[in-house]
Amino acid sequence: MRSMAKMIIFVVYLFFGIYFINYPFEIVKIPAFISTMESWLLFIGGILIIIGGINFFRASRGY
């Protein structure tokens, strides 16, 4: 169960990471329905980046 949750979180991080990389370069054409939710995607992506930074520091401290 724990590994399944880690996999889901990894996929969410991967999705937003690819979105942020694709955003300025437009390597892949983003569908219109995703473009309408752009502000929400940036907001959720920002939260995930903050959580990832916190987890990085927690892991480096050995907790």
C-alpha atoms as a PDB file:
ATOM      1  CA  MET A   1       0.000   0.000   0.000  1.00  0.00           C
ATOM      2  CA  ARG A   2       2.799   2.392   0.884  1.00  0.00           C
ATOM      3  CA  SER A   3       4.617   1.765  -2.400  1.00  0.00           C
ATOM      4  CA  MET A   4       1.380   2.421  -4.325  1.00  0.00           C
ATOM      5  CA  ALA A   5       1.014   5.815  -2.621  1.00  0.00           C
ATOM      6  CA  LYS A   6       4.638   6.649  -3.469  1.00  0.00           C
ATOM      7  CA  MET A   7       4.009   5.711  -7.095  1.00  0.00           C
ATOM      8  CA  ILE A   8       0.926   7.938  -7.288  1.00  0.00           C
ATOM      9  CA  ILE A   9       2.823  10.859  -5.761  1.00  0.00           C
ATOM     10  CA  PHE A  10       5.692  10.252  -8.190  1.00  0.00           C
ATOM     11  CA  VAL A  11       3.296  10.340 -11.160  1.00  0.00           C
ATOM     12  CA  VAL A  12       1.772  13.612  -9.924  1.00  0.00           C
ATOM     13  CA  TYR A  13       5.231  15.164  -9.514  1.00  0.00           C
ATOM     14  CA  LEU A  14       6.227  13.862 -12.948  1.00  0.00           C
ATOM     15  CA  PHE A  15       3.086  15.321 -14.552  1.00  0.00           C
ATOM     16  CA  PHE A  16       3.666  18.776 -13.107  1.00  0.00           C
ATOM     17  CA  GLY A  17       7.392  18.626 -13.832  1.00  0.00           C
ATOM     18  CA  ILE A  18       6.743  17.870 -17.484  1.00  0.00           C
ATOM     19  CA  TYR A  19       4.098  20.601 -17.593  1.00  0.00           C
ATOM     20  CA  PHE A  20       6.519  23.202 -16.190  1.00  0.00           C
ATOM     21  CA  ILE A  21       9.288  22.150 -18.581  1.00  0.00           C
ATOM     22  CA  ASN A  22       6.906  22.217 -21.540  1.00  0.00           C
ATOM     23  CA  TYR A  23       5.337  25.557 -20.543  1.00  0.00           C
ATOM     24  CA  PRO A  24       7.976  27.962 -21.925  1.00  0.00           C
ATOM     25  CA  PHE A  25       9.202  25.803 -24.813  1.00  0.00           C
ATOM     26  CA  GLU A  26       5.850  24.361 -26.032  1.00  0.00           C
ATOM     27  CA  ILE A  27       7.437  21.063 -27.042  1.00  0.00           C
ATOM     28  CA  VAL A  28       4.066  19.326 -26.804  1.00  0.00           C
ATOM     29  CA  LYS A  29       0.824  21.073 -27.733  1.00  0.00           C
ATOM     30  CA  ILE A  30      -1.328  21.373 -24.600  1.00  0.00           C
ATOM     31  CA  PRO A  31      -5.075  20.796 -25.081  1.00  0.00           C
ATOM     32  CA  ALA A  32      -7.397  23.779 -24.647  1.00  0.00           C
ATOM     33  CA  PHE A  33      -9.151  22.388 -21.552  1.00  0.00           C
ATOM     34  CA  ILE A  34      -5.807  22.240 -19.706  1.00  0.00           C
ATOM     35  CA  SER A  35      -4.931  25.770 -20.832  1.00  0.00           C
ATOM     36  CA  THR A  36      -8.134  27.077 -19.238  1.00  0.00           C
ATOM     37  CA  MET A  37      -7.008  25.649 -15.881  1.00  0.00           C
ATOM     38  CA  GLU A  38      -3.524  27.128 -16.193  1.00  0.00           C
ATOM     39  CA  SER A  39      -3.658  29.239 -13.013  1.00  0.00           C
ATOM     40  CA  TRP A  40      -4.757  26.205 -10.967  1.00  0.00           C
ATOM     41  CA  LEU A  41      -1.998  24.058 -12.446  1.00  0.00           C
ATOM     42  CA  LEU A  42       0.623  26.653 -11.571  1.00  0.00           C
ATOM     43  CA  PHE A  43      -0.796  26.947  -8.041  1.00  0.00           C
ATOM     44  CA  ILE A  44      -0.811  23.172  -7.447  1.00  0.00           C
ATOM     45  CA  GLY A  45       2.626  22.859  -9.032  1.00  0.00           C
ATOM     46  CA  GLY A  46       3.974  25.536  -6.709  1.00  0.00           C
ATOM     47  CA  ILE A  47       2.602  23.691  -3.689  1.00  0.00           C
ATOM     48  CA  LEU A  48       4.184  20.436  -4.895  1.00  0.00           C
ATOM     49  CA  ILE A  49       7.545  22.163  -5.348  1.00  0.00           C
ATOM     50  CA  ILE A  50       7.385  23.478  -1.777  1.00  0.00           C
ATOM     51  CA  ILE A  51       6.447  20.020  -0.436  1.00  0.00           C
ATOM     52  CA  GLY A  52       9.271  18.480  -2.461  1.00  0.00           C
ATOM     53  CA  GLY A  53      11.748  20.970  -0.988  1.00  0.00           C
ATOM     54  CA  ILE A  54      10.583  20.212   2.537  1.00  0.00           C
ATOM     55  CA  ASN A  55      10.889  16.471   1.907  1.00  0.00           C
ATOM     56  CA  PHE A  56      14.380  16.980   0.479  1.00  0.00           C
ATOM     57  CA  PHE A  57      15.557  18.743   3.624  1.00  0.00           C
ATOM     58  CA  ARG A  58      13.881  16.160   5.871  1.00  0.00           C
ATOM     59  CA  ALA A  59      15.579  13.334   3.972  1.00  0.00           C
ATOM     60  CA  SER A  60      18.978  15.009   4.116  1.00  0.00           C
ATOM     61  CA  ARG A  61      18.681  15.403   7.890  1.00  0.00           C
ATOM     62  CA  GLY A  62      17.960  11.691   8.347  1.00  0.00           C
ATOM     63  CA  TYR A  63      14.414  11.858   9.744  1.00  0.00           C
END
